[in-house]
Each structure stands twice: as C-alpha cells, then as structure tokens.
C-alpha cells in the first residue's frame, strides 16, 4: 500500500477464483469510473440495483421491482488482530443521495 492512499487489491488464484484490482478506494467512493483497471467494476458492485423481473412463458420480460438501496449497505472486512468485523462501508460509499446533492450545487 502506498503511503497516504488506500487501495483495494485482490489477487486471482490458479483455481479460478475471481479477482479485481488494483482500484483506489477513493476513486470508488467518488465514482471516478474513467480510471484504469477495475474501478468501474468495483464501483458497480457496491452501487448496483437489485431488479426483479417477471418472465412470461413466451419469453417476454417485465421489470416488477427495482431496489436501489439494498446492495452495498454493509461492506466489511476482518479486523487486524481479531476475528471481529470491521465496517468499511464509508470508505466505499457516500450516504444515499450524495451524488444528487453534489449535482444540485
């Protein structure tokens, strides 16, 4: 980790586990999705919507619900030196409505 910067970096193992990174946590927090590597992917992961679809027998689809607040409510990691959960949500997400407040200014 570079001094004064917080980065997320996960590594892929040869057994086919998923990987991402590097991605500056501040870029994810502020939605800087034009940066390289996996910033757009991680930003989408913590800010996604959960949509519910009704699929008819003929294959047609109708969205019946969209929840914009369920994903990314609690982002956590294991605390150093203990088995306790450490809440890191505020490092990755602003409170709901932050972006619209910034746009209005």
PDB file of N, CA and C in Angstrom:
ATOM      1  N   UNK A   1       0.849  -1.178   0.000  1.00  0.00           N
ATOM      2  CA  UNK A   1       0.000   0.000   0.000  1.00  0.00           C
ATOM      3  C   UNK A   1       0.894   1.240   0.000  1.00  0.00           C
ATOM      4  N   UNK A   2       0.522   2.220  -0.795  1.00  0.00           N
ATOM      5  CA  UNK A   2       1.285   3.463  -0.861  1.00  0.00           C
ATOM      6  C   UNK A   2       0.904   4.353   0.317  1.00  0.00           C
ATOM      7  N   UNK A   3       1.862   5.074   0.857  1.00  0.00           N
ATOM      8  CA  UNK A   3       1.603   5.962   1.988  1.00  0.00           C
ATOM      9  C   UNK A   3       0.559   7.012   1.609  1.00  0.00           C
ATOM     10  N   UNK A   4      -0.432   7.197   2.469  1.00  0.00           N
ATOM     11  CA  UNK A   4      -1.443   8.218   2.254  1.00  0.00           C
ATOM     12  C   UNK A   4      -2.541   7.834   1.279  1.00  0.00           C
ATOM     13  N   UNK A   5      -2.512   6.611   0.763  1.00  0.00           N
ATOM     14  CA  UNK A   5      -3.545   6.184  -0.184  1.00  0.00           C
ATOM     15  C   UNK A   5      -4.075   4.827   0.237  1.00  0.00           C
ATOM     16  N   UNK A   6      -5.344   4.638   0.064  1.00  0.00           N
ATOM     17  CA  UNK A   6      -5.973   3.367   0.382  1.00  0.00           C
ATOM     18  C   UNK A   6      -6.400   2.718  -0.914  1.00  0.00           C
ATOM     19  N   UNK A   7      -5.955   1.500  -1.170  1.00  0.00           N
ATOM     20  CA  UNK A   7      -6.245   0.784  -2.409  1.00  0.00           C
ATOM     21  C   UNK A   7      -6.909  -0.533  -2.071  1.00  0.00           C
ATOM     22  N   UNK A   8      -7.741  -1.017  -2.973  1.00  0.00           N
ATOM     23  CA  UNK A   8      -8.236  -2.379  -2.871  1.00  0.00           C
ATOM     24  C   UNK A   8      -7.498  -3.191  -3.925  1.00  0.00           C
ATOM     25  N   UNK A   9      -7.021  -4.341  -3.520  1.00  0.00           N
ATOM     26  CA  UNK A   9      -6.374  -5.210  -4.489  1.00  0.00           C
ATOM     27  C   UNK A   9      -6.574  -6.650  -4.045  1.00  0.00           C
ATOM     28  N   UNK A  10      -7.268  -7.412  -4.860  1.00  0.00           N
ATOM     29  CA  UNK A  10      -7.474  -8.822  -4.627  1.00  0.00           C
ATOM     30  C   UNK A  10      -6.769  -9.577  -5.736  1.00  0.00           C
ATOM     31  N   UNK A  11      -6.226 -10.717  -5.431  1.00  0.00           N
ATOM     32  CA  UNK A  11      -5.469 -11.476  -6.414  1.00  0.00           C
ATOM     33  C   UNK A  11      -6.230 -12.733  -6.806  1.00  0.00           C
ATOM     34  N   UNK A  12      -6.097 -13.120  -8.067  1.00  0.00           N
ATOM     35  CA  UNK A  12      -6.732 -14.341  -8.541  1.00  0.00           C
ATOM     36  C   UNK A  12      -5.807 -15.515  -8.292  1.00  0.00           C
ATOM     37  N   UNK A  13      -6.378 -16.605  -7.796  1.00  0.00           N
ATOM     38  CA  UNK A  13      -5.608 -17.817  -7.591  1.00  0.00           C
ATOM     39  C   UNK A  13      -5.791 -18.718  -8.798  1.00  0.00           C
ATOM     40  N   UNK A  14      -4.906 -19.648  -8.958  1.00  0.00           N
ATOM     41  CA  UNK A  14      -4.937 -20.501 -10.141  1.00  0.00           C
ATOM     42  C   UNK A  14      -6.151 -21.423 -10.178  1.00  0.00           C
ATOM     43  N   UNK A  15      -6.827 -21.619  -9.062  1.00  0.00           N
ATOM     44  CA  UNK A  15      -8.011 -22.476  -9.036  1.00  0.00           C
ATOM     45  C   UNK A  15      -9.242 -21.791  -9.624  1.00  0.00           C
ATOM     46  N   UNK A  16      -9.082 -20.637 -10.233  1.00  0.00           N
ATOM     47  CA  UNK A  16     -10.186 -19.974 -10.910  1.00  0.00           C
ATOM     48  C   UNK A  16     -11.002 -19.028 -10.052  1.00  0.00           C
ATOM     49  N   UNK A  17     -10.479 -18.593  -8.933  1.00  0.00           N
ATOM     50  CA  UNK A  17     -11.210 -17.637  -8.113  1.00  0.00           C
ATOM     51  C   UNK A  17     -11.231 -16.277  -8.803  1.00  0.00           C
ATOM     52  N   UNK A  18     -12.275 -15.499  -8.549  1.00  0.00           N
ATOM     53  CA  UNK A  18     -12.398 -14.182  -9.140  1.00  0.00           C
ATOM     54  C   UNK A  18     -11.359 -13.228  -8.564  1.00  0.00           C
ATOM     55  N   UNK A  19     -10.983 -12.229  -9.343  1.00  0.00           N
ATOM     56  CA  UNK A  19     -10.018 -11.248  -8.872  1.00  0.00           C
ATOM     57  C   UNK A  19     -10.441  -9.863  -9.328  1.00  0.00           C
ATOM     58  N   UNK A  20      -9.912  -8.866  -8.670  1.00  0.00           N
ATOM     59  CA  UNK A  20     -10.081  -7.495  -9.128  1.00  0.00           C
ATOM     60  C   UNK A  20      -8.970  -6.656  -8.540  1.00  0.00           C
ATOM     61  N   UNK A  21      -8.749  -5.515  -9.169  1.00  0.00           N
ATOM     62  CA  UNK A  21      -7.764  -4.593  -8.657  1.00  0.00           C
ATOM     63  C   UNK A  21      -6.569  -4.470  -9.581  1.00  0.00           C
ATOM     64  N   UNK A  22      -5.724  -3.524  -9.326  1.00  0.00           N
ATOM     65  CA  UNK A  22      -5.875  -2.565  -8.238  1.00  0.00           C
ATOM     66  C   UNK A  22      -6.949  -1.522  -8.551  1.00  0.00           C
ATOM     67  N   UNK A  23      -7.517  -0.972  -7.504  1.00  0.00           N
ATOM     68  CA  UNK A  23      -8.529   0.073  -7.646  1.00  0.00           C
ATOM     69  C   UNK A  23      -8.461   0.979  -6.427  1.00  0.00           C
ATOM     70  N   UNK A  24      -8.139   2.255  -6.598  1.00  0.00           N
ATOM     71  CA  UNK A  24      -8.086   3.168  -5.447  1.00  0.00           C
ATOM     72  C   UNK A  24      -9.462   3.291  -4.789  1.00  0.00           C
ATOM     73  N   UNK A  25      -9.493   3.079  -3.494  1.00  0.00           N
ATOM     74  CA  UNK A  25     -10.756   3.144  -2.764  1.00  0.00           C
ATOM     75  C   UNK A  25     -11.404   4.524  -2.922  1.00  0.00           C
ATOM     76  N   UNK A  26     -10.607   5.579  -2.905  1.00  0.00           N
ATOM     77  CA  UNK A  26     -11.149   6.942  -3.067  1.00  0.00           C
ATOM     78  C   UNK A  26     -11.832   7.105  -4.428  1.00  0.00           C
ATOM     79  N   UNK A  27     -11.294   6.465  -5.463  1.00  0.00           N
ATOM     80  CA  UNK A  27     -11.911   6.530  -6.791  1.00  0.00           C
ATOM     81  C   UNK A  27     -13.255   5.820  -6.794  1.00  0.00           C
ATOM     82  N   UNK A  28     -13.352   4.715  -6.075  1.00  0.00           N
ATOM     83  CA  UNK A  28     -14.625   4.004  -5.968  1.00  0.00           C
ATOM     84  C   UNK A  28     -15.622   4.865  -5.210  1.00  0.00           C
ATOM     85  N   UNK A  29     -15.185   5.451  -4.118  1.00  0.00           N
ATOM     86  CA  UNK A  29     -16.047   6.316  -3.312  1.00  0.00           C
ATOM     87  C   UNK A  29     -16.604   7.474  -4.128  1.00  0.00           C
ATOM     88  N   UNK A  30     -15.758   8.086  -4.949  1.00  0.00           N
ATOM     89  CA  UNK A  30     -16.162   9.282  -5.689  1.00  0.00           C
ATOM     90  C   UNK A  30     -16.676   8.998  -7.099  1.00  0.00           C
ATOM     91  N   UNK A  31     -16.736   7.720  -7.480  1.00  0.00           N
ATOM     92  CA  UNK A  31     -17.295   7.367  -8.788  1.00  0.00           C
ATOM     93  C   UNK A  31     -16.410   7.733  -9.957  1.00  0.00           C
ATOM     94  N   UNK A  32     -15.103   7.715  -9.753  1.00  0.00           N
ATOM     95  CA  UNK A  32     -14.166   8.039 -10.836  1.00  0.00           C
ATOM     96  C   UNK A  32     -14.009   6.834 -11.757  1.00  0.00           C
ATOM     97  N   UNK A  33     -15.057   6.506 -12.477  1.00  0.00           N
ATOM     98  CA  UNK A  33     -15.093   5.282 -13.283  1.00  0.00           C
ATOM     99  C   UNK A  33     -14.315   5.398 -14.593  1.00  0.00           C
ATOM    100  N   UNK A  34     -13.719   6.544 -14.845  1.00  0.00           N
ATOM    101  CA  UNK A  34     -12.907   6.689 -16.045  1.00  0.00           C
ATOM    102  C   UNK A  34     -11.461   6.226 -15.810  1.00  0.00           C
ATOM    103  N   UNK A  35     -11.131   5.832 -14.593  1.00  0.00           N
ATOM    104  CA  UNK A  35      -9.784   5.360 -14.282  1.00  0.00           C
ATOM    105  C   UNK A  35      -9.587   3.932 -14.769  1.00  0.00           C
ATOM    106  N   UNK A  36      -8.331   3.537 -14.927  1.00  0.00           N
ATOM    107  CA  UNK A  36      -7.990   2.206 -15.427  1.00  0.00           C
ATOM    108  C   UNK A  36      -8.276   1.113 -14.398  1.00  0.00           C
ATOM    109  N   UNK A  37      -8.061  -0.079 -14.853  1.00  0.00           N
ATOM    110  CA  UNK A  37      -8.168  -1.300 -14.078  1.00  0.00           C
ATOM    111  C   UNK A  37      -9.625  -1.548 -13.695  1.00  0.00           C
ATOM    112  N   UNK A  38      -9.879  -1.883 -12.444  1.00  0.00           N
ATOM    113  CA  UNK A  38     -11.213  -2.366 -12.081  1.00  0.00           C
ATOM    114  C   UNK A  38     -12.068  -1.370 -11.311  1.00  0.00           C
ATOM    115  N   UNK A  39     -11.764  -0.085 -11.400  1.00  0.00           N
ATOM    116  CA  UNK A  39     -12.579   0.906 -10.698  1.00  0.00           C
ATOM    117  C   UNK A  39     -14.041   0.839 -11.156  1.00  0.00           C
ATOM    118  N   UNK A  40     -14.330   0.816 -12.460  1.00  0.00           N
ATOM    119  CA  UNK A  40     -15.747   0.748 -12.865  1.00  0.00           C
ATOM    120  C   UNK A  40     -16.442  -0.512 -12.341  1.00  0.00           C
ATOM    121  N   UNK A  41     -15.746  -1.633 -12.351  1.00  0.00           N
ATOM    122  CA  UNK A  41     -16.325  -2.889 -11.879  1.00  0.00           C
ATOM    123  C   UNK A  41     -16.646  -2.832 -10.390  1.00  0.00           C
ATOM    124  N   UNK A  42     -15.685  -2.396  -9.563  1.00  0.00           N
ATOM    125  CA  UNK A  42     -15.905  -2.344  -8.116  1.00  0.00           C
ATOM    126  C   UNK A  42     -16.957  -1.296  -7.779  1.00  0.00           C
ATOM    127  N   UNK A  43     -16.934  -0.152  -8.466  1.00  0.00           N
ATOM    128  CA  UNK A  43     -17.963   0.866  -8.247  1.00  0.00           C
ATOM    129  C   UNK A  43     -19.348   0.285  -8.507  1.00  0.00           C
ATOM    130  N   UNK A  44     -19.487  -0.461  -9.598  1.00  0.00           N
ATOM    131  CA  UNK A  44     -20.774  -1.080  -9.930  1.00  0.00           C
ATOM    132  C   UNK A  44     -21.170  -2.121  -8.891  1.00  0.00           C
ATOM    133  N   UNK A  45     -20.201  -2.857  -8.369  1.00  0.00           N
ATOM    134  CA  UNK A  45     -20.505  -3.874  -7.353  1.00  0.00           C
ATOM    135  C   UNK A  45     -21.110  -3.267  -6.097  1.00  0.00           C
ATOM    136  N   UNK A  46     -20.589  -2.150  -5.635  1.00  0.00           N
ATOM    137  CA  UNK A  46     -21.073  -1.578  -4.375  1.00  0.00           C
ATOM    138  C   UNK A  46     -22.238  -0.609  -4.574  1.00  0.00           C
ATOM    139  N   UNK A  47     -22.568  -0.275  -5.817  1.00  0.00           N
ATOM    140  CA  UNK A  47     -23.644   0.669  -6.088  1.00  0.00           C
ATOM    141  C   UNK A  47     -24.738   0.089  -6.992  1.00  0.00           C
ATOM    142  N   UNK A  48     -24.774  -1.215  -7.130  1.00  0.00           N
ATOM    143  CA  UNK A  48     -25.731  -1.853  -8.034  1.00  0.00           C
ATOM    144  C   UNK A  48     -27.166  -1.751  -7.513  1.00  0.00           C
ATOM    145  N   UNK A  49     -28.106  -1.916  -8.410  1.00  0.00           N
ATOM    146  CA  UNK A  49     -29.520  -2.027  -8.055  1.00  0.00           C
ATOM    147  C   UNK A  49     -29.920  -3.493  -8.139  1.00  0.00           C
ATOM    148  N   UNK A  50     -30.888  -3.900  -7.335  1.00  0.00           N
ATOM    149  CA  UNK A  50     -31.418  -5.255  -7.436  1.00  0.00           C
ATOM    150  C   UNK A  50     -32.778  -5.167  -8.110  1.00  0.00           C
ATOM    151  N   UNK A  51     -32.860  -5.711  -9.315  1.00  0.00           N
ATOM    152  CA  UNK A  51     -34.098  -5.690 -10.096  1.00  0.00           C
ATOM    153  C   UNK A  51     -34.753  -7.065 -10.060  1.00  0.00           C
ATOM    154  N   UNK A  52     -36.072  -7.065  -9.986  1.00  0.00           N
ATOM    155  CA  UNK A  52     -36.858  -8.298 -10.035  1.00  0.00           C
ATOM    156  C   UNK A  52     -37.655  -8.289 -11.321  1.00  0.00           C
ATOM    157  N   UNK A  53     -37.546  -9.375 -12.095  1.00  0.00           N
ATOM    158  CA  UNK A  53     -38.187  -9.469 -13.399  1.00  0.00           C
ATOM    159  C   UNK A  53     -39.214 -10.593 -13.405  1.00  0.00           C
ATOM    160  N   UNK A  54     -40.297 -10.378 -14.126  1.00  0.00           N
ATOM    161  CA  UNK A  54     -41.285 -11.413 -14.384  1.00  0.00           C
ATOM    162  C   UNK A  54     -41.080 -11.862 -15.826  1.00  0.00           C
ATOM    163  N   UNK A  55     -40.797 -13.153 -15.988  1.00  0.00           N
ATOM    164  CA  UNK A  55     -40.570 -13.694 -17.327  1.00  0.00           C
ATOM    165  C   UNK A  55     -41.752 -14.579 -17.694  1.00  0.00           C
ATOM    166  N   UNK A  56     -42.441 -14.200 -18.749  1.00  0.00           N
ATOM    167  CA  UNK A  56     -43.624 -14.936 -19.195  1.00  0.00           C
ATOM    168  C   UNK A  56     -43.219 -16.188 -19.957  1.00  0.00           C
ATOM    169  N   UNK A  57     -44.173 -17.063 -20.175  1.00  0.00           N
ATOM    170  CA  UNK A  57     -43.917 -18.296 -20.919  1.00  0.00           C
ATOM    171  C   UNK A  57     -43.413 -18.012 -22.329  1.00  0.00           C
ATOM    172  N   UNK A  58     -43.853 -16.877 -22.915  1.00  0.00           N
ATOM    173  CA  UNK A  58     -43.415 -16.543 -24.275  1.00  0.00           C
ATOM    174  C   UNK A  58     -42.016 -15.905 -24.301  1.00  0.00           C
ATOM    175  N   UNK A  59     -41.398 -15.756 -23.123  1.00  0.00           N
ATOM    176  CA  UNK A  59     -40.053 -15.204 -23.044  1.00  0.00           C
ATOM    177  C   UNK A  59     -40.004 -13.705 -22.824  1.00  0.00           C
ATOM    178  N   UNK A  60     -41.136 -13.034 -22.867  1.00  0.00           N
ATOM    179  CA  UNK A  60     -41.136 -11.589 -22.636  1.00  0.00           C
ATOM    180  C   UNK A  60     -40.843 -11.300 -21.164  1.00  0.00           C
ATOM    181  N   UNK A  61     -40.199 -10.156 -20.922  1.00  0.00           N
ATOM    182  CA  UNK A  61     -39.778  -9.788 -19.577  1.00  0.00           C
ATOM    183  C   UNK A  61     -40.377  -8.450 -19.179  1.00  0.00           C
ATOM    184  N   UNK A  62     -40.773  -8.362 -17.915  1.00  0.00           N
ATOM    185  CA  UNK A  62     -41.294  -7.119 -17.355  1.00  0.00           C
ATOM    186  C   UNK A  62     -40.628  -6.901 -16.001  1.00  0.00           C
ATOM    187  N   UNK A  63     -39.987  -5.734 -15.831  1.00  0.00           N
ATOM    188  CA  UNK A  63     -39.392  -5.425 -14.533  1.00  0.00           C
ATOM    189  C   UNK A  63     -40.518  -5.064 -13.575  1.00  0.00           C
ATOM    190  N   UNK A  64     -40.583  -5.777 -12.442  1.00  0.00           N
ATOM    191  CA  UNK A  64     -41.672  -5.525 -11.498  1.00  0.00           C
ATOM    192  C   UNK A  64     -41.199  -4.821 -10.223  1.00  0.00           C
ATOM    193  N   UNK A  65     -39.887  -4.769 -10.018  1.00  0.00           N
ATOM    194  CA  UNK A  65     -39.371  -4.086  -8.833  1.00  0.00           C
ATOM    195  C   UNK A  65     -37.917  -3.710  -9.055  1.00  0.00           C
ATOM    196  N   UNK A  66     -37.510  -2.580  -8.476  1.00  0.00           N
ATOM    197  CA  UNK A  66     -36.115  -2.163  -8.514  1.00  0.00           C
ATOM    198  C   UNK A  66     -35.764  -1.569  -7.151  1.00  0.00           C
ATOM    199  N   UNK A  67     -34.804  -2.182  -6.485  1.00  0.00           N
ATOM    200  CA  UNK A  67     -34.367  -1.713  -5.173  1.00  0.00           C
ATOM    201  C   UNK A  67     -32.985  -1.085  -5.325  1.00  0.00           C
ATOM    202  N   UNK A  68     -32.905   0.219  -5.109  1.00  0.00           N
ATOM    203  CA  UNK A  68     -31.651   0.946  -5.303  1.00  0.00           C
ATOM    204  C   UNK A  68     -30.809   1.043  -4.033  1.00  0.00           C
ATOM    205  N   UNK A  69     -31.318   0.545  -2.910  1.00  0.00           N
ATOM    206  CA  UNK A  69     -30.614   0.733  -1.639  1.00  0.00           C
ATOM    207  C   UNK A  69     -30.074  -0.549  -1.011  1.00  0.00           C
ATOM    208  N   UNK A  70     -30.462  -1.704  -1.521  1.00  0.00           N
ATOM    209  CA  UNK A  70     -30.108  -2.960  -0.851  1.00  0.00           C
ATOM    210  C   UNK A  70     -28.639  -3.349  -1.008  1.00  0.00           C
ATOM    211  N   UNK A  71     -28.051  -3.083  -2.146  1.00  0.00           N
ATOM    212  CA  UNK A  71     -26.674  -3.522  -2.416  1.00  0.00           C
ATOM    213  C   UNK A  71     -25.682  -2.539  -1.797  1.00  0.00           C
ATOM    214  N   UNK A  72     -24.681  -3.081  -1.131  1.00  0.00           N
ATOM    215  CA  UNK A  72     -23.611  -2.258  -0.573  1.00  0.00           C
ATOM    216  C   UNK A  72     -23.960  -1.547   0.718  1.00  0.00           C
ATOM    217  N   UNK A  73     -24.966  -2.035   1.439  1.00  0.00           N
ATOM    218  CA  UNK A  73     -25.318  -1.403   2.711  1.00  0.00           C
ATOM    219  C   UNK A  73     -24.249  -1.623   3.770  1.00  0.00           C
ATOM    220  N   UNK A  74     -23.669  -2.806   3.777  1.00  0.00           N
ATOM    221  CA  UNK A  74     -22.667  -3.166   4.772  1.00  0.00           C
ATOM    222  C   UNK A  74     -21.468  -3.790   4.065  1.00  0.00           C
ATOM    223  N   UNK A  75     -20.410  -3.037   3.930  1.00  0.00           N
ATOM    224  CA  UNK A  75     -19.175  -3.534   3.345  1.00  0.00           C
ATOM    225  C   UNK A  75     -18.201  -3.695   4.504  1.00  0.00           C
ATOM    226  N   UNK A  76     -17.690  -4.906   4.663  1.00  0.00           N
ATOM    227  CA  UNK A  76     -16.855  -5.143   5.833  1.00  0.00           C
ATOM    228  C   UNK A  76     -15.653  -6.003   5.495  1.00  0.00           C
ATOM    229  N   UNK A  77     -14.727  -6.030   6.433  1.00  0.00           N
ATOM    230  CA  UNK A  77     -13.538  -6.863   6.340  1.00  0.00           C
ATOM    231  C   UNK A  77     -13.224  -7.362   7.740  1.00  0.00           C
ATOM    232  N   UNK A  78     -12.349  -8.313   7.825  1.00  0.00           N
ATOM    233  CA  UNK A  78     -11.912  -8.816   9.123  1.00  0.00           C
ATOM    234  C   UNK A  78     -10.933  -7.811   9.724  1.00  0.00           C
ATOM    235  N   UNK A  79     -11.134  -7.475  10.977  1.00  0.00           N
ATOM    236  CA  UNK A  79     -10.248  -6.538  11.664  1.00  0.00           C
ATOM    237  C   UNK A  79      -8.878  -7.169  11.893  1.00  0.00           C
ATOM    238  N   UNK A  80      -7.859  -6.348  11.863  1.00  0.00           N
ATOM    239  CA  UNK A  80      -6.498  -6.806  12.106  1.00  0.00           C
ATOM    240  C   UNK A  80      -6.365  -7.280  13.549  1.00  0.00           C
ATOM    241  N   UNK A  81      -5.820  -8.466  13.729  1.00  0.00           N
ATOM    242  CA  UNK A  81      -5.538  -8.971  15.072  1.00  0.00           C
ATOM    243  C   UNK A  81      -6.710  -9.573  15.808  1.00  0.00           C
ATOM    244  N   UNK A  82      -7.870  -9.668  15.170  1.00  0.00           N
ATOM    245  CA  UNK A  82      -9.026 -10.280  15.831  1.00  0.00           C
ATOM    246  C   UNK A  82      -9.959 -10.850  14.758  1.00  0.00           C
ATOM    247  N   UNK A  83     -10.983 -11.529  15.213  1.00  0.00           N
ATOM    248  CA  UNK A  83     -11.983 -12.067  14.291  1.00  0.00           C
ATOM    249  C   UNK A  83     -13.200 -11.161  14.188  1.00  0.00           C
ATOM    250  N   UNK A  84     -13.085  -9.946  14.655  1.00  0.00           N
ATOM    251  CA  UNK A  84     -14.192  -9.001  14.623  1.00  0.00           C
ATOM    252  C   UNK A  84     -14.396  -8.450  13.209  1.00  0.00           C
ATOM    253  N   UNK A  85     -15.635  -8.092  12.909  1.00  0.00           N
ATOM    254  CA  UNK A  85     -15.988  -7.462  11.643  1.00  0.00           C
ATOM    255  C   UNK A  85     -15.665  -5.975  11.745  1.00  0.00           C
ATOM    256  N   UNK A  86     -15.022  -5.436  10.714  1.00  0.00           N
ATOM    257  CA  UNK A  86     -14.739  -4.001  10.670  1.00  0.00           C
ATOM    258  C   UNK A  86     -15.552  -3.406   9.527  1.00  0.00           C
ATOM    259  N   UNK A  87     -16.427  -2.475   9.850  1.00  0.00           N
ATOM    260  CA  UNK A  87     -17.278  -1.834   8.850  1.00  0.00           C
ATOM    261  C   UNK A  87     -16.458  -0.816   8.070  1.00  0.00           C
ATOM    262  N   UNK A  88     -16.368  -1.009   6.748  1.00  0.00           N
ATOM    263  CA  UNK A  88     -15.602  -0.092   5.891  1.00  0.00           C
ATOM    264  C   UNK A  88     -16.501   0.549   4.826  1.00  0.00           C
ATOM    265  N   UNK A  89     -17.810   0.482   5.050  1.00  0.00           N
ATOM    266  CA  UNK A  89     -18.771   0.989   4.074  1.00  0.00           C
ATOM    267  C   UNK A  89     -18.495   2.440   3.700  1.00  0.00           C
ATOM    268  N   UNK A  90     -18.194   3.284   4.677  1.00  0.00           N
ATOM    269  CA  UNK A  90     -17.994   4.714   4.402  1.00  0.00           C
ATOM    270  C   UNK A  90     -16.751   4.999   3.572  1.00  0.00           C
ATOM    271  N   UNK A  91     -15.820   4.041   3.488  1.00  0.00           N
ATOM    272  CA  UNK A  91     -14.664   4.210   2.610  1.00  0.00           C
ATOM    273  C   UNK A  91     -15.063   4.030   1.147  1.00  0.00           C
ATOM    274  N   UNK A  92     -16.115   3.234   0.894  1.00  0.00           N
ATOM    275  CA  UNK A  92     -16.514   2.871  -0.464  1.00  0.00           C
ATOM    276  C   UNK A  92     -17.756   3.593  -0.969  1.00  0.00           C
ATOM    277  N   UNK A  93     -18.616   4.048  -0.058  1.00  0.00           N
ATOM    278  CA  UNK A  93     -19.895   4.640  -0.469  1.00  0.00           C
ATOM    279  C   UNK A  93     -20.197   5.885   0.333  1.00  0.00           C
ATOM    280  N   UNK A  94     -20.689   6.891  -0.363  1.00  0.00           N
ATOM    281  CA  UNK A  94     -21.264   8.044   0.321  1.00  0.00           C
ATOM    282  C   UNK A  94     -22.673   7.661   0.759  1.00  0.00           C
ATOM    283  N   UNK A  95     -23.267   8.446   1.622  1.00  0.00           N
ATOM    284  CA  UNK A  95     -24.643   8.177   2.021  1.00  0.00           C
ATOM    285  C   UNK A  95     -25.558   8.319   0.807  1.00  0.00           C
ATOM    286  N   UNK A  96     -26.707   7.633   0.843  1.00  0.00           N
ATOM    287  CA  UNK A  96     -27.661   7.704  -0.264  1.00  0.00           C
ATOM    288  C   UNK A  96     -28.031   9.158  -0.544  1.00  0.00           C
ATOM    289  N   UNK A  97     -28.073   9.521  -1.815  1.00  0.00           N
ATOM    290  CA  UNK A  97     -28.441  10.865  -2.219  1.00  0.00           C
ATOM    291  C   UNK A  97     -27.277  11.825  -2.335  1.00  0.00           C
ATOM    292  N   UNK A  98     -26.068  11.385  -1.961  1.00  0.00           N
ATOM    293  CA  UNK A  98     -24.906  12.266  -2.015  1.00  0.00           C
ATOM    294  C   UNK A  98     -24.652  12.792  -3.421  1.00  0.00           C
ATOM    295  N   UNK A  99     -24.717  11.914  -4.416  1.00  0.00           N
ATOM    296  CA  UNK A  99     -24.423  12.320  -5.786  1.00  0.00           C
ATOM    297  C   UNK A  99     -25.435  13.355  -6.278  1.00  0.00           C
ATOM    298  N   UNK A 100     -26.699  13.144  -5.981  1.00  0.00           N
ATOM    299  CA  UNK A 100     -27.703  14.112  -6.428  1.00  0.00           C
ATOM    300  C   UNK A 100     -27.512  15.452  -5.724  1.00  0.00           C
ATOM    301  N   UNK A 101     -27.070  15.431  -4.470  1.00  0.00           N
ATOM    302  CA  UNK A 101     -26.796  16.675  -3.751  1.00  0.00           C
ATOM    303  C   UNK A 101     -25.622  17.402  -4.400  1.00  0.00           C
ATOM    304  N   UNK A 102     -24.608  16.674  -4.830  1.00  0.00           N
ATOM    305  CA  UNK A 102     -23.454  17.282  -5.470  1.00  0.00           C
ATOM    306  C   UNK A 102     -23.828  17.882  -6.820  1.00  0.00           C
ATOM    307  N   UNK A 103     -24.721  17.201  -7.522  1.00  0.00           N
ATOM    308  CA  UNK A 103     -25.148  17.669  -8.845  1.00  0.00           C
ATOM    309  C   UNK A 103     -25.939  18.965  -8.736  1.00  0.00           C
ATOM    310  N   UNK A 104     -26.701  19.121  -7.658  1.00  0.00           N
ATOM    311  CA  UNK A 104     -27.516  20.310  -7.473  1.00  0.00           C
ATOM    312  C   UNK A 104     -26.684  21.551  -7.163  1.00  0.00           C
ATOM    313  N   UNK A 105     -25.508  21.360  -6.610  1.00  0.00           N
ATOM    314  CA  UNK A 105     -24.665  22.503  -6.199  1.00  0.00           C
ATOM    315  C   UNK A 105     -24.115  23.248  -7.382  1.00  0.00           C
TER     316      UNK A 105
END
